[in-house]
C-alpha cells in the first residue's frame, strides 16, 4: 500500500485528489494539510511514502516544506518520503528550487488523472518523475549550452555528496544494480539519485551525465572508480 499525504491550501483541490487516489488499488491517502508548516509536522508524525505538495502556499511554501521534510526524515535513504511538487506553472525558478530542496517529481496541476496516479506509483518505486513540459524545458536549457560545455561549479555544488558519488560511478559505466552493491544501498535509492542528478544538472539521460562528469573534471580519463563502501581505500 502506497501511503500518500496531500498538501494544498485549496480544499476543493484536495477533495478532488482524495477522490482520484482513493479509487486506485494500492494507494491510501493518510493525511491532508493546507499549508507547509502543517505538512512538515504531519510528515514527521506519519512518514508517508509520497507527498503531493503544492508549490505556492501562504506562510511556509512547498519548496521550504519539501526541504524541511527531506532534511528531517529519519527513515534512511531506502525508505525516505518522496515528494512530488504540484503547480499551475511550467518551468520557472520554483522548479529548480524544488528540485534542489529534494523533490523527486514535478507535475502540473492540469495533468490528466492517469499521469498523477502514474507519478505517485513511479516515485514510490524510488524513481523520479518529471512532467513532459518541464522535462522539455530542462532539456532545451541543456541543449542551448555551447558544445562541450560542462555544468558550472555552482550547478555541481547543488548535488549532495551521495549524488556526486553516484554520478562518478555512472561515469565509470556502472549500472544501477552495480552502484547499489558498490554503495550498499537499495537499487530504488540509486534510481532516485540518478533521477535527481539528471534534473538538477538539466541532463536528458545517462549519456549526458557521463559526458558532464568528464567535461566538468569530476572524473578524469583513465581513472578508476572508488572502492566499494566498507573496503579499504
Protein backbone atom coordinates (compact mmCIF):
# COMPACT_ATOMS: atom_id res chain seq x y z
CA UNK A 1 0.00 0.00 0.00
CA UNK A 2 1.37 3.42 -1.01
CA UNK A 3 0.62 5.92 1.77
CA UNK A 4 0.07 9.43 0.39
CA UNK A 5 -0.23 12.86 2.02
CA UNK A 6 -1.85 15.78 0.17
CA UNK A 7 -0.70 19.37 0.74
CA UNK A 8 -2.66 22.21 -0.86
CA UNK A 9 -4.27 25.36 0.50
CA UNK A 10 -7.40 24.86 -1.64
CA UNK A 11 -9.93 22.42 -0.09
CA UNK A 12 -11.57 21.65 -3.43
CA UNK A 13 -8.22 20.63 -4.94
CA UNK A 14 -7.51 18.32 -2.02
CA UNK A 15 -11.01 16.81 -2.22
CA UNK A 16 -10.56 16.06 -5.91
CA UNK A 17 -7.19 14.44 -5.31
CA UNK A 18 -8.59 12.31 -2.49
CA UNK A 19 -11.40 11.01 -4.73
CA UNK A 20 -8.97 10.22 -7.52
CA UNK A 21 -6.34 8.47 -5.43
CA UNK A 22 -8.67 6.56 -3.12
CA UNK A 23 -10.26 4.97 -6.20
CA UNK A 24 -6.91 3.43 -7.13
CA UNK A 25 -5.93 -0.01 -5.77
CA UNK A 26 -2.85 0.03 -3.58
CA UNK A 27 -2.99 3.76 -2.78
CA UNK A 28 -4.20 5.23 0.52
CA UNK A 29 -4.48 8.92 1.44
CA UNK A 30 -3.33 9.06 5.06
CA UNK A 31 -3.30 12.83 5.70
CA UNK A 32 -4.13 16.26 4.31
CA UNK A 33 -2.56 19.63 5.10
CA UNK A 34 -3.46 23.15 3.99
CA UNK A 35 -0.03 24.74 4.49
CA UNK A 36 3.64 23.85 4.57
CA UNK A 37 4.06 24.04 8.34
CA UNK A 38 1.26 21.54 8.92
CA UNK A 39 2.72 19.29 6.23
CA UNK A 40 6.11 19.21 7.95
CA UNK A 41 4.51 18.27 11.28
CA UNK A 42 2.31 15.55 9.75
CA UNK A 43 5.19 14.09 7.74
CA UNK A 44 7.28 13.81 10.92
CA UNK A 45 4.40 12.00 12.63
CA UNK A 46 3.15 9.72 9.84
CA UNK A 47 6.13 9.24 7.50
CA UNK A 48 4.05 8.90 4.30
CA UNK A 49 5.59 7.21 1.29
CA UNK A 50 4.65 10.03 -1.09
CA UNK A 51 3.68 13.68 -0.57
CA UNK A 52 1.81 15.65 -3.25
CA UNK A 53 2.92 19.18 -2.45
CA UNK A 54 1.50 22.44 -3.82
CA UNK A 55 4.46 24.71 -4.53
CA UNK A 56 2.83 28.07 -3.69
CA UNK A 57 1.03 28.40 -0.37
CA UNK A 58 0.76 31.15 2.26
CA UNK A 59 3.36 31.03 5.02
CA UNK A 60 5.69 28.08 4.56
CA UNK A 61 5.58 27.35 0.84
CA UNK A 62 6.00 23.99 -0.86
CA UNK A 63 9.70 24.44 -1.55
CA UNK A 64 10.59 25.18 2.06
CA UNK A 65 8.26 22.45 3.34
CA UNK A 66 9.95 19.98 0.98
CA UNK A 67 13.38 20.97 2.27
CA UNK A 68 12.32 20.54 5.90
CA UNK A 69 10.66 17.17 5.31
CA UNK A 70 13.65 15.76 3.41
CA UNK A 71 16.14 17.09 5.96
CA UNK A 72 14.19 15.70 8.92
CA UNK A 73 13.23 12.30 7.52
CA UNK A 74 14.76 9.64 9.83
CA UNK A 75 13.79 6.65 7.70
CA UNK A 76 17.03 6.49 5.75
CA UNK A 77 17.66 6.64 2.03
CA UNK A 78 15.86 3.43 1.10
CA UNK A 79 12.56 4.38 2.69
CA UNK A 80 12.58 8.19 2.77
CA UNK A 81 9.43 10.12 1.94
CA UNK A 82 9.26 11.05 -1.75
CA UNK A 83 7.79 14.43 -2.72
CA UNK A 84 6.01 15.40 -5.93
CA UNK A 85 5.61 19.13 -6.47
CA UNK A 86 2.26 20.28 -7.91
CA UNK A 87 1.93 23.65 -9.59
CA UNK A 88 -0.09 25.52 -12.20
CA UNK A 89 3.14 26.95 -13.63
CA UNK A 90 5.58 25.49 -16.11
CA UNK A 91 9.36 25.84 -15.91
CA UNK A 92 10.40 28.67 -13.60
CA UNK A 93 12.67 29.17 -10.62
CA UNK A 94 10.24 27.22 -8.43
CA UNK A 95 11.05 24.07 -10.43
CA UNK A 96 14.77 24.37 -9.76
CA UNK A 97 14.28 25.41 -6.14
CA UNK A 98 12.03 22.40 -5.52
CA UNK A 99 14.48 20.01 -7.15
CA UNK A 100 17.34 21.46 -5.13
CA UNK A 101 15.23 21.03 -1.99
CA UNK A 102 14.96 17.31 -2.69
CA UNK A 103 11.71 16.82 -4.62
CA UNK A 104 11.58 13.59 -6.59
CA UNK A 105 8.92 14.67 -9.06
CA UNK A 106 7.27 17.66 -10.65
CA UNK A 107 3.73 17.62 -12.06
CA UNK A 108 1.48 20.32 -13.47
CA UNK A 109 -1.99 20.59 -11.94
CA UNK A 110 -3.57 20.37 -15.39
CA UNK A 111 -2.11 16.87 -15.89
CA UNK A 112 -4.62 14.16 -16.70
CA UNK A 113 -5.61 11.88 -13.78
CA UNK A 114 -3.69 8.91 -15.18
CA UNK A 115 -0.46 10.93 -15.13
CA UNK A 116 -0.98 11.81 -11.47
CA UNK A 117 -1.52 8.18 -10.50
CA UNK A 118 1.47 7.06 -12.58
CA UNK A 119 3.62 9.75 -10.94
CA UNK A 120 2.68 8.53 -7.44
CA UNK A 121 3.45 4.92 -8.29
CA UNK A 122 6.71 5.83 -10.03
CA UNK A 123 8.21 7.89 -7.22
CA UNK A 124 7.05 5.32 -4.66
CA UNK A 125 9.28 2.81 -6.51
CA UNK A 126 12.22 5.15 -5.99
CA UNK A 127 12.30 6.66 -9.47
CA UNK A 128 11.98 10.31 -10.49
CA UNK A 129 9.03 11.82 -12.34
CA UNK A 130 9.08 14.97 -14.48
CA UNK A 131 6.06 16.38 -16.28
CA UNK A 132 6.90 16.26 -20.04
CA UNK A 133 6.58 20.05 -20.32
CA UNK A 134 9.07 20.57 -17.51
CA UNK A 135 11.40 17.93 -18.92
CA UNK A 136 11.41 19.63 -22.32
CA UNK A 137 12.29 22.94 -20.69
CA UNK A 138 15.23 21.43 -18.86
CA UNK A 139 16.43 19.66 -22.00
CA UNK A 140 16.17 22.89 -24.03
CA UNK A 141 18.30 24.65 -21.42
CA UNK A 142 20.98 21.97 -21.68
CA UNK A 143 20.83 21.95 -25.48
CA UNK A 144 21.32 25.73 -25.59
CA UNK A 145 24.72 25.43 -23.90
CA UNK A 146 27.77 25.70 -26.18
CA UNK A 147 29.04 22.39 -27.50
CA UNK A 148 31.31 20.69 -24.98
CA UNK A 149 30.21 22.95 -22.13
CA UNK A 150 30.02 21.41 -18.69
CA UNK A 151 27.82 22.05 -15.68
CA UNK A 152 29.11 25.02 -13.73
CA UNK A 153 30.72 24.61 -10.33
CA UNK A 154 27.59 26.17 -8.83
CA UNK A 155 25.41 23.54 -10.53
CA UNK A 156 27.66 20.71 -9.35
CA UNK A 157 27.54 22.28 -5.91
CA UNK A 158 23.79 21.64 -5.86
CA UNK A 159 24.46 17.89 -5.79
CA UNK A 160 24.62 16.20 -2.42
CA UNK A 161 27.75 14.24 -1.51
CA UNK A 162 25.93 10.97 -2.25
CA UNK A 163 24.66 12.27 -5.60
CA UNK A 164 28.24 13.14 -6.58
CA UNK A 165 29.32 9.62 -5.61
CA UNK A 166 26.59 8.17 -7.80
CA UNK A 167 27.50 10.46 -10.72
CA UNK A 168 31.13 9.33 -10.51
CA UNK A 169 30.08 5.67 -10.62
CA UNK A 170 27.68 6.34 -13.52
CA UNK A 171 30.57 7.98 -15.38
CA UNK A 172 32.65 4.84 -14.83
CA UNK A 173 29.94 2.81 -16.57
CA UNK A 174 28.35 1.07 -13.58
CA UNK A 175 24.69 0.04 -13.87
CA UNK A 176 22.13 0.84 -11.18
CA UNK A 177 22.37 -2.66 -9.61
CA UNK A 178 26.18 -2.39 -9.62
CA UNK A 179 26.05 1.04 -8.00
CA UNK A 180 23.64 -0.29 -5.37
CA UNK A 181 26.08 -3.08 -4.48
CA UNK A 182 29.01 -0.65 -4.56
CA UNK A 183 27.40 1.77 -2.12
CA UNK A 184 25.45 -0.85 -0.13
CA UNK A 185 22.08 0.80 -0.72
CA UNK A 186 18.87 -0.28 -2.43
CA UNK A 187 18.53 -0.15 -6.20
CA UNK A 188 15.48 2.11 -5.79
CA UNK A 189 17.69 4.55 -3.91
CA UNK A 190 20.15 4.62 -6.79
CA UNK A 191 17.33 5.29 -9.26
CA UNK A 192 16.21 8.21 -7.13
CA UNK A 193 19.73 9.67 -7.01
CA UNK A 194 20.22 9.29 -10.77
CA UNK A 195 16.90 10.98 -11.44
CA UNK A 196 17.76 13.90 -9.18
CA UNK A 197 21.22 14.26 -10.78
CA UNK A 198 19.67 14.48 -14.24
CA UNK A 199 17.08 17.00 -13.10
CA UNK A 200 19.45 19.21 -11.10
CA UNK A 201 22.01 19.38 -13.93
CA UNK A 202 19.41 19.70 -16.69
CA UNK A 203 20.55 16.49 -18.40
CA UNK A 204 18.48 14.20 -20.58
CA UNK A 205 19.98 10.77 -19.92
CA UNK A 206 22.93 8.80 -18.54
CA UNK A 207 25.00 9.51 -21.64
CA UNK A 208 24.79 13.24 -20.99
CA UNK A 209 25.55 12.62 -17.32
CA UNK A 210 28.71 10.71 -18.25
CA UNK A 211 29.80 13.49 -20.60
CA UNK A 212 29.08 16.13 -17.95
CA UNK A 213 31.13 14.25 -15.33
CA UNK A 214 34.19 14.15 -17.60
CA UNK A 215 33.78 17.65 -19.05
CA UNK A 216 33.49 19.15 -15.57
CA UNK A 217 36.62 17.37 -14.33
CA UNK A 218 34.68 15.42 -11.70
CA UNK A 219 36.04 12.26 -13.32
CA UNK A 220 39.42 12.09 -15.07
CA UNK A 221 40.02 9.94 -18.18
CA UNK A 222 41.75 6.70 -17.25
CA UNK A 223 40.83 6.95 -13.57
CA UNK A 224 39.36 4.00 -11.70
CA UNK A 225 36.11 4.02 -9.72
CA UNK A 226 36.44 4.46 -5.95
CA UNK A 227 36.48 1.24 -3.90
CA UNK A 228 33.15 -0.15 -2.68
CA UNK A 229 31.76 1.01 0.65
CA UNK A 230 33.35 -0.76 3.59
CA UNK A 231 36.51 -1.68 1.70
CA UNK A 232 39.81 -0.03 2.48
CA UNK A 233 40.67 2.82 0.10
